Amino acid sequence: MMYNILNKYLFDFNPIDGLYITLNKNNIEINGLNYRKYTTGVAELKNSKYSLVFYSVNSNSLITVLENGLYTHSQYLITSNKVIDDISIYDLLKYVDFEIADLVFKYFKY
């Protein structure tokens, strides 16, 4: 069952094992609809135009970055805890600007 759920995830990049990224707004919306029932929380960030929406499907996590609470910016699927040890901010800077990369990187590390 788990494989079928994750098989529906649409992504653009797989920079390291266990991490999938999409910047495509249509893919983000489709993924959001597919995983909406797994939403575990929303974090509004102080002094930032960004907020994070968290989804959890068994041991897998999805993070969607929203801009001004309305517009999707990017989305990340983490399928392995090993990502936390292996990820570098430079892995993210290839795809998103520094502010977003820093935000997501800090989430992984804390």
N, C-alpha and C. Protein backbone atom coordinates (compact mmCIF):
# COMPACT_ATOMS: atom_id res chain seq x y z
N MET A 1 0.82 -1.21 0.00
CA MET A 1 0.00 0.00 0.00
C MET A 1 0.86 1.26 0.00
N MET A 2 1.90 1.29 0.81
CA MET A 2 2.75 2.47 0.91
C MET A 2 3.38 2.80 -0.43
N TYR A 3 3.86 1.79 -1.12
CA TYR A 3 4.51 2.02 -2.41
C TYR A 3 3.56 2.71 -3.38
N ASN A 4 2.31 2.28 -3.40
CA ASN A 4 1.34 2.88 -4.31
C ASN A 4 1.09 4.35 -3.97
N ILE A 5 1.05 4.69 -2.71
CA ILE A 5 0.83 6.09 -2.31
C ILE A 5 1.99 6.95 -2.80
N LEU A 6 3.21 6.53 -2.53
CA LEU A 6 4.38 7.33 -2.92
C LEU A 6 4.60 7.31 -4.42
N ASN A 7 4.14 6.28 -5.07
CA ASN A 7 4.30 6.20 -6.52
C ASN A 7 3.55 7.32 -7.21
N LYS A 8 2.55 7.91 -6.55
CA LYS A 8 1.78 9.01 -7.13
C LYS A 8 2.49 10.35 -7.04
N TYR A 9 3.58 10.44 -6.27
CA TYR A 9 4.27 11.70 -6.09
C TYR A 9 4.94 12.14 -7.39
N LEU A 10 4.65 13.36 -7.83
CA LEU A 10 5.24 13.91 -9.05
C LEU A 10 6.41 14.80 -8.66
N PHE A 11 7.58 14.56 -9.23
CA PHE A 11 8.75 15.36 -8.87
C PHE A 11 9.56 15.72 -10.11
N ASP A 12 10.40 16.74 -9.97
CA ASP A 12 11.25 17.21 -11.05
C ASP A 12 12.71 16.80 -10.87
N PHE A 13 13.15 16.72 -9.61
CA PHE A 13 14.56 16.47 -9.32
C PHE A 13 14.71 15.46 -8.20
N ASN A 14 15.79 14.68 -8.24
CA ASN A 14 16.14 13.74 -7.18
C ASN A 14 17.63 13.95 -6.88
N PRO A 15 17.96 15.04 -6.15
CA PRO A 15 19.37 15.41 -5.97
C PRO A 15 20.20 14.41 -5.17
N ILE A 16 19.59 13.75 -4.18
CA ILE A 16 20.28 12.71 -3.41
C ILE A 16 19.26 11.63 -3.09
N ASP A 17 19.77 10.44 -2.76
CA ASP A 17 18.87 9.34 -2.42
C ASP A 17 17.95 9.74 -1.27
N GLY A 18 16.67 9.51 -1.45
CA GLY A 18 15.71 9.79 -0.39
C GLY A 18 15.12 11.18 -0.41
N LEU A 19 15.52 12.03 -1.37
CA LEU A 19 14.99 13.39 -1.46
C LEU A 19 14.51 13.67 -2.88
N TYR A 20 13.27 14.11 -2.97
CA TYR A 20 12.66 14.44 -4.26
C TYR A 20 12.13 15.86 -4.18
N ILE A 21 12.35 16.65 -5.23
CA ILE A 21 11.94 18.05 -5.24
C ILE A 21 11.09 18.32 -6.47
N THR A 22 10.04 19.13 -6.28
CA THR A 22 9.33 19.66 -7.43
C THR A 22 9.16 21.16 -7.28
N LEU A 23 9.35 21.85 -8.39
CA LEU A 23 9.15 23.30 -8.46
C LEU A 23 7.94 23.61 -9.35
N ASN A 24 7.41 22.60 -9.99
CA ASN A 24 6.29 22.74 -10.91
C ASN A 24 4.99 22.93 -10.13
N LYS A 25 4.35 24.08 -10.29
CA LYS A 25 3.16 24.41 -9.50
C LYS A 25 2.03 23.39 -9.71
N ASN A 26 1.87 22.88 -10.93
CA ASN A 26 0.83 21.88 -11.17
C ASN A 26 1.13 20.59 -10.41
N ASN A 27 2.39 20.15 -10.42
CA ASN A 27 2.77 18.95 -9.67
C ASN A 27 2.56 19.15 -8.17
N ILE A 28 2.92 20.33 -7.67
CA ILE A 28 2.75 20.61 -6.24
C ILE A 28 1.27 20.54 -5.87
N GLU A 29 0.42 21.11 -6.70
CA GLU A 29 -1.02 21.08 -6.41
C GLU A 29 -1.57 19.66 -6.44
N ILE A 30 -1.14 18.87 -7.43
CA ILE A 30 -1.60 17.48 -7.51
C ILE A 30 -1.11 16.69 -6.31
N ASN A 31 0.18 16.85 -5.96
CA ASN A 31 0.71 16.16 -4.78
C ASN A 31 -0.05 16.59 -3.53
N GLY A 32 -0.33 17.89 -3.40
CA GLY A 32 -1.07 18.39 -2.24
C GLY A 32 -2.44 17.75 -2.13
N LEU A 33 -3.13 17.61 -3.24
CA LEU A 33 -4.45 16.96 -3.23
C LEU A 33 -4.33 15.49 -2.86
N ASN A 34 -3.32 14.82 -3.41
CA ASN A 34 -3.12 13.39 -3.12
C ASN A 34 -2.79 13.13 -1.66
N TYR A 35 -2.10 14.07 -1.02
CA TYR A 35 -1.62 13.86 0.34
C TYR A 35 -2.33 14.72 1.39
N ARG A 36 -3.33 15.48 1.00
CA ARG A 36 -4.01 16.40 1.91
C ARG A 36 -4.41 15.74 3.24
N LYS A 37 -4.92 14.51 3.16
CA LYS A 37 -5.39 13.84 4.38
C LYS A 37 -4.25 13.48 5.33
N TYR A 38 -3.01 13.60 4.85
CA TYR A 38 -1.85 13.29 5.68
C TYR A 38 -1.21 14.54 6.27
N THR A 39 -1.86 15.69 6.14
CA THR A 39 -1.32 16.95 6.65
C THR A 39 -1.16 16.87 8.16
N THR A 40 0.03 17.21 8.63
CA THR A 40 0.28 17.18 10.07
C THR A 40 0.45 18.56 10.67
N GLY A 41 0.63 19.59 9.85
CA GLY A 41 0.76 20.92 10.42
C GLY A 41 1.20 21.96 9.42
N VAL A 42 1.08 23.21 9.86
CA VAL A 42 1.51 24.35 9.06
C VAL A 42 2.33 25.24 9.98
N ALA A 43 3.48 25.69 9.49
CA ALA A 43 4.33 26.59 10.27
C ALA A 43 4.38 27.94 9.58
N GLU A 44 3.87 28.96 10.26
CA GLU A 44 4.00 30.34 9.78
C GLU A 44 5.30 30.86 10.36
N LEU A 45 6.16 31.38 9.52
CA LEU A 45 7.47 31.81 9.97
C LEU A 45 7.47 33.31 10.25
N LYS A 46 7.98 33.68 11.41
CA LYS A 46 8.05 35.09 11.78
C LYS A 46 8.97 35.84 10.85
N ASN A 47 8.58 37.07 10.51
CA ASN A 47 9.39 37.95 9.66
C ASN A 47 9.76 37.31 8.33
N SER A 48 8.87 36.50 7.80
CA SER A 48 9.14 35.85 6.53
C SER A 48 7.86 35.79 5.71
N LYS A 49 7.99 35.85 4.42
CA LYS A 49 6.82 35.71 3.55
C LYS A 49 6.51 34.25 3.27
N TYR A 50 7.32 33.34 3.83
CA TYR A 50 7.15 31.91 3.58
C TYR A 50 6.50 31.18 4.75
N SER A 51 5.77 30.15 4.44
CA SER A 51 5.25 29.24 5.45
C SER A 51 5.47 27.81 4.94
N LEU A 52 5.43 26.86 5.85
CA LEU A 52 5.67 25.46 5.51
C LEU A 52 4.44 24.64 5.85
N VAL A 53 4.06 23.75 4.95
CA VAL A 53 2.99 22.79 5.19
C VAL A 53 3.65 21.42 5.27
N PHE A 54 3.35 20.67 6.33
CA PHE A 54 3.96 19.36 6.55
C PHE A 54 2.95 18.25 6.33
N TYR A 55 3.39 17.20 5.68
CA TYR A 55 2.60 16.00 5.49
C TYR A 55 3.46 14.83 5.99
N SER A 56 2.82 13.83 6.56
CA SER A 56 3.55 12.65 7.00
C SER A 56 2.79 11.41 6.57
N VAL A 57 3.47 10.54 5.81
CA VAL A 57 2.89 9.28 5.35
C VAL A 57 3.83 8.19 5.84
N ASN A 58 3.43 7.52 6.92
CA ASN A 58 4.30 6.54 7.58
C ASN A 58 5.64 7.19 7.89
N SER A 59 6.75 6.70 7.38
CA SER A 59 8.05 7.29 7.71
C SER A 59 8.50 8.32 6.67
N ASN A 60 7.61 8.69 5.77
CA ASN A 60 7.93 9.66 4.73
C ASN A 60 7.33 11.02 5.06
N SER A 61 8.05 12.06 4.69
CA SER A 61 7.58 13.42 4.96
C SER A 61 7.56 14.24 3.68
N LEU A 62 6.56 15.07 3.56
CA LEU A 62 6.49 16.05 2.48
C LEU A 62 6.47 17.42 3.11
N ILE A 63 7.17 18.35 2.50
CA ILE A 63 7.17 19.74 2.94
C ILE A 63 6.83 20.59 1.71
N THR A 64 5.82 21.42 1.84
CA THR A 64 5.49 22.36 0.78
C THR A 64 5.79 23.76 1.30
N VAL A 65 6.52 24.53 0.52
CA VAL A 65 6.83 25.91 0.87
C VAL A 65 5.82 26.81 0.16
N LEU A 66 5.11 27.62 0.95
CA LEU A 66 4.15 28.58 0.42
C LEU A 66 4.73 29.98 0.54
N GLU A 67 4.43 30.80 -0.44
CA GLU A 67 4.86 32.19 -0.42
C GLU A 67 3.63 33.05 -0.17
N ASN A 68 3.69 33.91 0.84
CA ASN A 68 2.57 34.77 1.23
C ASN A 68 1.31 33.96 1.53
N GLY A 69 1.49 32.72 1.97
CA GLY A 69 0.37 31.88 2.37
C GLY A 69 -0.53 31.41 1.25
N LEU A 70 -0.25 31.80 0.03
CA LEU A 70 -1.14 31.47 -1.08
C LEU A 70 -0.45 30.73 -2.22
N TYR A 71 0.74 31.15 -2.54
CA TYR A 71 1.39 30.66 -3.74
C TYR A 71 2.39 29.57 -3.41
N THR A 72 2.32 28.48 -4.12
CA THR A 72 3.27 27.41 -3.89
C THR A 72 4.61 27.77 -4.50
N HIS A 73 5.64 27.49 -3.77
CA HIS A 73 6.99 27.80 -4.25
C HIS A 73 7.72 26.52 -4.64
N SER A 74 7.77 25.56 -3.73
CA SER A 74 8.48 24.31 -3.98
C SER A 74 7.97 23.26 -2.99
N GLN A 75 8.33 22.00 -3.30
CA GLN A 75 7.87 20.89 -2.46
C GLN A 75 8.97 19.83 -2.39
N TYR A 76 9.08 19.20 -1.23
CA TYR A 76 10.16 18.25 -0.96
C TYR A 76 9.57 16.98 -0.35
N LEU A 77 9.94 15.84 -0.90
CA LEU A 77 9.55 14.54 -0.34
C LEU A 77 10.81 13.91 0.22
N ILE A 78 10.76 13.54 1.48
CA ILE A 78 11.88 12.90 2.16
C ILE A 78 11.45 11.47 2.48
N THR A 79 12.14 10.51 1.88
CA THR A 79 11.76 9.10 2.08
C THR A 79 12.73 8.33 2.95
N SER A 80 13.76 9.01 3.43
CA SER A 80 14.77 8.33 4.24
C SER A 80 15.33 9.28 5.29
N ASN A 81 15.49 8.79 6.50
CA ASN A 81 16.11 9.60 7.55
C ASN A 81 17.57 9.88 7.24
N LYS A 82 18.17 9.08 6.38
CA LYS A 82 19.56 9.26 5.99
C LYS A 82 19.78 10.61 5.29
N VAL A 83 18.72 11.15 4.69
CA VAL A 83 18.80 12.45 4.02
C VAL A 83 19.32 13.51 4.99
N ILE A 84 18.87 13.45 6.22
CA ILE A 84 19.25 14.44 7.22
C ILE A 84 20.77 14.47 7.40
N ASP A 85 21.40 13.31 7.35
CA ASP A 85 22.86 13.24 7.49
C ASP A 85 23.59 13.60 6.20
N ASP A 86 22.97 13.28 5.07
CA ASP A 86 23.66 13.41 3.78
C ASP A 86 23.46 14.75 3.08
N ILE A 87 22.43 15.49 3.45
CA ILE A 87 22.11 16.70 2.69
C ILE A 87 23.05 17.85 3.02
N SER A 88 23.33 18.61 2.00
CA SER A 88 24.11 19.84 2.12
C SER A 88 23.24 20.96 1.57
N ILE A 89 23.42 22.16 2.09
CA ILE A 89 22.65 23.28 1.56
C ILE A 89 22.94 23.46 0.06
N TYR A 90 24.11 23.06 -0.37
CA TYR A 90 24.47 23.19 -1.79
C TYR A 90 23.65 22.26 -2.67
N ASP A 91 23.15 21.15 -2.10
CA ASP A 91 22.25 20.26 -2.85
C ASP A 91 20.97 20.99 -3.23
N LEU A 92 20.54 21.90 -2.37
CA LEU A 92 19.30 22.64 -2.60
C LEU A 92 19.52 23.89 -3.44
N LEU A 93 20.68 24.52 -3.29
CA LEU A 93 20.96 25.77 -4.01
C LEU A 93 21.00 25.58 -5.53
N LYS A 94 21.13 24.36 -5.97
CA LYS A 94 21.09 24.08 -7.41
C LYS A 94 19.69 24.32 -7.98
N TYR A 95 18.67 24.30 -7.10
CA TYR A 95 17.27 24.33 -7.55
C TYR A 95 16.48 25.53 -7.04
N VAL A 96 16.85 26.05 -5.86
CA VAL A 96 16.10 27.16 -5.27
C VAL A 96 17.06 28.22 -4.76
N ASP A 97 16.54 29.42 -4.51
CA ASP A 97 17.40 30.50 -4.04
C ASP A 97 17.82 30.26 -2.59
N PHE A 98 18.76 31.08 -2.13
CA PHE A 98 19.36 30.86 -0.82
C PHE A 98 18.32 30.87 0.31
N GLU A 99 17.39 31.80 0.29
CA GLU A 99 16.42 31.91 1.38
C GLU A 99 15.61 30.62 1.55
N ILE A 100 15.18 30.05 0.43
CA ILE A 100 14.41 28.81 0.49
C ILE A 100 15.31 27.65 0.88
N ALA A 101 16.50 27.57 0.28
CA ALA A 101 17.44 26.49 0.61
C ALA A 101 17.77 26.50 2.10
N ASP A 102 18.01 27.68 2.65
CA ASP A 102 18.33 27.83 4.07
C ASP A 102 17.16 27.38 4.93
N LEU A 103 15.97 27.77 4.56
CA LEU A 103 14.76 27.41 5.29
C LEU A 103 14.57 25.89 5.34
N VAL A 104 14.65 25.25 4.20
CA VAL A 104 14.45 23.80 4.12
C VAL A 104 15.61 23.06 4.80
N PHE A 105 16.83 23.52 4.57
CA PHE A 105 18.00 22.90 5.20
C PHE A 105 17.89 22.93 6.72
N LYS A 106 17.48 24.09 7.26
CA LYS A 106 17.32 24.20 8.71
C LYS A 106 16.24 23.24 9.22
N TYR A 107 15.18 23.06 8.43
CA TYR A 107 14.15 22.10 8.83
C TYR A 107 14.74 20.70 8.94
N PHE A 108 15.57 20.31 7.97
CA PHE A 108 16.17 18.98 7.99
C PHE A 108 17.08 18.80 9.21
N LYS A 109 17.81 19.84 9.55
CA LYS A 109 18.81 19.73 10.61
C LYS A 109 18.23 19.89 12.02
N TYR A 110 17.02 20.41 12.14
CA TYR A 110 16.44 20.60 13.48
C TYR A 110 15.20 19.87 13.61
